[in-house]
Amino acid sequence: MRSKLGEQTIAIRELAAAITESEIQIVRRDQVTQLGILRSNILLDVKAIERTESSAQYRAVKNSLLGAGAAFTFGSLFVAATRHKGAYNAGLGLASSVLSRKAPFDTILIAIGLEGIPKDVKAMAISCLARESNRSESDVKTSLKQAGHLLLTPEQFTDLLDKVESGILDGSYSLPLTFNELRSLITR
């Protein structure tokens, strides 16, 4: 009877260990699924921002060409009306100054805040923020970094998620991953 009880105890312990291991695997796969959803959502946001940036760039080029045409015409007419020579050159000079003004477009970065992955992640249109605030893209990036954001290109972000997913599956990482944990992971 004692040997049967001993065998049953061993069997119960083995079963408990197997159940615990299964629970761990389920949690890991759930976290990998969360990362997959995050990846999909962020990449959809990136595509939406790309479309918005493309549309904004088209409008800016169109407005720039219209402005340059108007500057050329009015500059040439003004100089011609004042009977100065070089009306064409004056109009051309005004038009080229309008065309030389360039606004930034198409810079999209993924910003990871202090809460890290998966809670504090968003796609950001850096070019749009620069245009709206009349600052350079590098100033916008610096401000975001100073505010505690880790900035990654979409490619860097997907590479990071690949590393995190592998680490979760092998038990090295677990969600959530904070800003500091992610930063040290990137520098490896």
Protein backbone atom coordinates (compact mmCIF):
# COMPACT_ATOMS: atom_id res chain seq x y z
CA MET A 1 0.00 0.00 0.00
CA ARG A 2 2.82 2.40 0.83
CA SER A 3 4.49 1.73 -2.50
CA LYS A 4 1.22 2.48 -4.31
CA LEU A 5 0.83 5.68 -2.32
CA GLY A 6 4.43 6.61 -3.14
CA GLU A 7 3.86 5.96 -6.85
CA GLN A 8 0.68 8.05 -6.80
CA THR A 9 2.48 10.89 -5.02
CA ILE A 10 5.22 10.85 -7.66
CA ALA A 11 2.61 10.76 -10.43
CA ILE A 12 0.74 13.71 -8.88
CA ARG A 13 3.98 15.72 -8.58
CA GLU A 14 4.85 14.97 -12.21
CA LEU A 15 1.35 15.96 -13.29
CA ALA A 16 1.56 19.19 -11.26
CA ALA A 17 4.92 19.99 -12.88
CA ALA A 18 3.48 19.33 -16.35
CA ILE A 19 0.46 21.54 -15.60
CA THR A 20 2.73 24.32 -14.34
CA GLU A 21 4.88 24.09 -17.46
CA SER A 22 1.75 24.20 -19.63
CA GLU A 23 0.54 27.30 -17.79
CA ILE A 24 3.90 28.99 -18.38
CA GLN A 25 3.76 28.15 -22.09
CA ILE A 26 0.20 29.48 -22.35
CA VAL A 27 1.22 32.77 -20.69
CA ARG A 28 4.22 33.07 -23.02
CA ARG A 29 2.14 32.40 -26.12
CA ASP A 30 -0.45 34.90 -24.91
CA GLN A 31 2.27 37.54 -24.55
CA VAL A 32 3.60 36.76 -28.04
CA THR A 33 0.02 37.15 -29.33
CA GLN A 34 -0.17 40.56 -27.59
CA LEU A 35 3.03 41.58 -29.37
CA GLY A 36 1.62 40.41 -32.69
CA ILE A 37 -1.47 42.55 -32.18
CA LEU A 38 0.71 45.51 -31.15
CA ARG A 39 2.89 45.04 -34.23
CA SER A 40 -0.15 44.92 -36.52
CA ASN A 41 -1.75 48.00 -34.96
CA ILE A 42 1.45 50.05 -35.07
CA LEU A 43 2.19 49.08 -38.67
CA LEU A 44 -1.39 50.00 -39.64
CA ASP A 45 -0.85 53.37 -37.97
CA VAL A 46 2.41 53.79 -39.90
CA LYS A 47 0.59 53.09 -43.20
CA ALA A 48 -2.11 55.62 -42.32
CA ILE A 49 0.53 58.24 -41.47
CA GLU A 50 2.34 57.48 -44.75
CA ARG A 51 -0.88 58.17 -46.68
CA THR A 52 -1.45 61.40 -44.75
CA GLU A 53 2.14 62.52 -45.33
CA SER A 54 1.91 61.72 -49.04
CA SER A 55 -1.27 63.77 -49.33
CA ALA A 56 0.26 66.67 -47.36
CA GLN A 57 3.36 66.59 -49.55
CA TYR A 58 1.24 66.66 -52.71
CA ARG A 59 -0.70 69.67 -51.41
CA ALA A 60 2.52 71.44 -50.41
CA VAL A 61 4.12 70.90 -53.83
CA LYS A 62 0.94 72.06 -55.56
CA ASN A 63 0.74 75.18 -53.38
CA SER A 64 4.44 75.85 -53.86
CA LEU A 65 4.10 75.68 -57.64
CA LEU A 66 1.06 77.95 -57.58
CA GLY A 67 2.89 80.38 -55.28
CA ALA A 68 5.96 80.33 -57.48
CA GLY A 69 3.85 80.99 -60.58
CA ALA A 70 2.11 83.89 -58.87
CA ALA A 71 5.41 85.32 -57.59
CA PHE A 72 6.96 85.06 -61.05
CA THR A 73 3.97 86.71 -62.71
CA PHE A 74 3.53 89.54 -60.22
CA GLY A 75 7.26 90.14 -59.89
CA SER A 76 7.68 90.32 -63.64
CA LEU A 77 4.63 92.59 -64.06
CA PHE A 78 5.75 94.91 -61.28
CA VAL A 79 9.24 95.31 -62.68
CA ALA A 80 7.88 95.68 -66.22
CA ALA A 81 5.37 98.32 -65.03
CA THR A 82 8.17 100.33 -63.45
CA ARG A 83 10.02 100.11 -66.78
CA HIS A 84 13.08 98.42 -65.38
CA LYS A 85 14.98 95.96 -67.41
CA GLY A 86 15.20 92.44 -66.14
CA ALA A 87 11.52 91.83 -65.43
CA TYR A 88 11.98 88.18 -66.27
CA ASN A 89 14.94 87.85 -63.87
CA ALA A 90 13.08 89.62 -61.07
CA GLY A 91 10.09 87.31 -61.48
CA LEU A 92 12.39 84.31 -61.63
CA GLY A 93 14.15 85.40 -58.44
CA LEU A 94 10.87 85.70 -56.57
CA ALA A 95 9.63 82.36 -57.89
CA SER A 96 12.85 80.56 -56.91
CA SER A 97 12.65 81.93 -53.36
CA VAL A 98 9.15 80.45 -53.06
CA LEU A 99 10.31 77.10 -54.48
CA SER A 100 13.37 76.96 -52.23
CA ARG A 101 11.26 76.77 -49.05
CA LYS A 102 11.10 73.11 -48.15
CA ALA A 103 8.98 71.52 -45.45
CA PRO A 104 9.90 68.10 -44.07
CA PHE A 105 7.82 65.07 -45.05
CA ASP A 106 7.74 61.29 -44.55
CA THR A 107 9.69 60.83 -41.30
CA ILE A 108 7.71 58.37 -39.20
CA LEU A 109 9.08 56.92 -35.98
CA ILE A 110 7.76 54.60 -33.32
CA ALA A 111 7.86 56.20 -29.88
CA ILE A 112 8.06 53.97 -26.83
CA GLY A 113 7.35 55.78 -23.57
CA LEU A 114 8.40 55.04 -20.02
CA GLU A 115 5.74 52.35 -19.51
CA GLY A 116 7.31 50.42 -22.37
CA ILE A 117 5.82 47.57 -24.36
CA PRO A 118 2.92 46.92 -24.82
CA LYS A 119 1.23 49.88 -23.05
CA ASP A 120 3.16 52.95 -24.16
CA VAL A 121 3.85 52.59 -27.89
CA LYS A 122 2.69 54.82 -30.75
CA ALA A 123 3.57 55.70 -34.32
CA MET A 124 4.44 59.36 -34.71
CA ALA A 125 4.62 61.60 -37.77
CA ILE A 126 7.82 63.46 -36.89
CA SER A 127 7.67 65.52 -40.11
CA CYS A 128 4.12 66.62 -39.38
CA LEU A 129 5.04 67.64 -35.82
CA ALA A 130 7.99 69.60 -37.21
CA ARG A 131 5.82 71.39 -39.79
CA GLU A 132 3.10 72.18 -37.25
CA SER A 133 5.53 73.53 -34.67
CA ASN A 134 7.76 75.25 -37.26
CA ARG A 135 10.79 73.38 -35.94
CA SER A 136 13.29 71.00 -37.48
CA GLU A 137 12.78 67.26 -37.31
CA SER A 138 15.90 66.92 -35.18
CA ASP A 139 14.47 69.41 -32.66
CA VAL A 140 11.25 67.39 -32.49
CA LYS A 141 13.20 64.16 -31.98
CA THR A 142 15.32 65.76 -29.26
CA SER A 143 12.19 67.00 -27.46
CA LEU A 144 10.62 63.55 -27.60
CA LYS A 145 13.78 61.90 -26.29
CA GLN A 146 14.00 64.43 -23.46
CA ALA A 147 10.37 63.65 -22.61
CA GLY A 148 11.38 60.01 -22.12
CA HIS A 149 10.61 58.39 -25.46
CA LEU A 150 12.68 55.76 -27.19
CA LEU A 151 12.47 56.49 -30.93
CA LEU A 152 12.75 53.70 -33.50
CA THR A 153 12.16 53.42 -37.22
CA PRO A 154 9.40 50.96 -38.15
CA GLU A 155 12.11 48.49 -39.21
CA GLN A 156 13.97 48.82 -35.91
CA PHE A 157 10.68 48.39 -34.07
CA THR A 158 9.82 45.15 -35.86
CA ASP A 159 13.37 43.87 -35.25
CA LEU A 160 12.98 44.71 -31.56
CA LEU A 161 9.65 42.89 -31.39
CA ASP A 162 11.24 39.85 -33.04
CA LYS A 163 13.92 39.81 -30.29
CA VAL A 164 11.32 40.27 -27.57
CA GLU A 165 9.12 37.49 -28.96
CA SER A 166 12.08 35.08 -29.04
CA GLY A 167 13.01 36.08 -25.49
CA ILE A 168 9.47 35.57 -24.26
CA LEU A 169 9.26 32.12 -25.81
CA ASP A 170 12.55 31.01 -24.27
CA GLY A 171 11.69 32.57 -20.89
CA SER A 172 14.26 35.40 -20.95
CA TYR A 173 11.62 38.17 -21.05
CA SER A 174 8.12 38.75 -19.86
CA LEU A 175 5.67 41.55 -20.57
CA PRO A 176 5.50 44.36 -19.79
CA LEU A 177 9.00 45.50 -20.75
CA THR A 178 9.85 48.97 -19.47
CA PHE A 179 11.66 51.72 -21.29
CA ASN A 180 14.94 50.94 -19.50
CA GLU A 181 14.69 47.20 -20.19
CA LEU A 182 14.04 47.92 -23.86
CA ARG A 183 16.87 50.41 -24.09
CA SER A 184 19.34 47.89 -22.68
CA LEU A 185 17.95 45.24 -25.05
CA ILE A 186 18.52 47.51 -28.07
CA THR A 187 22.12 48.23 -27.14
CA ARG A 188 22.95 44.49 -27.01
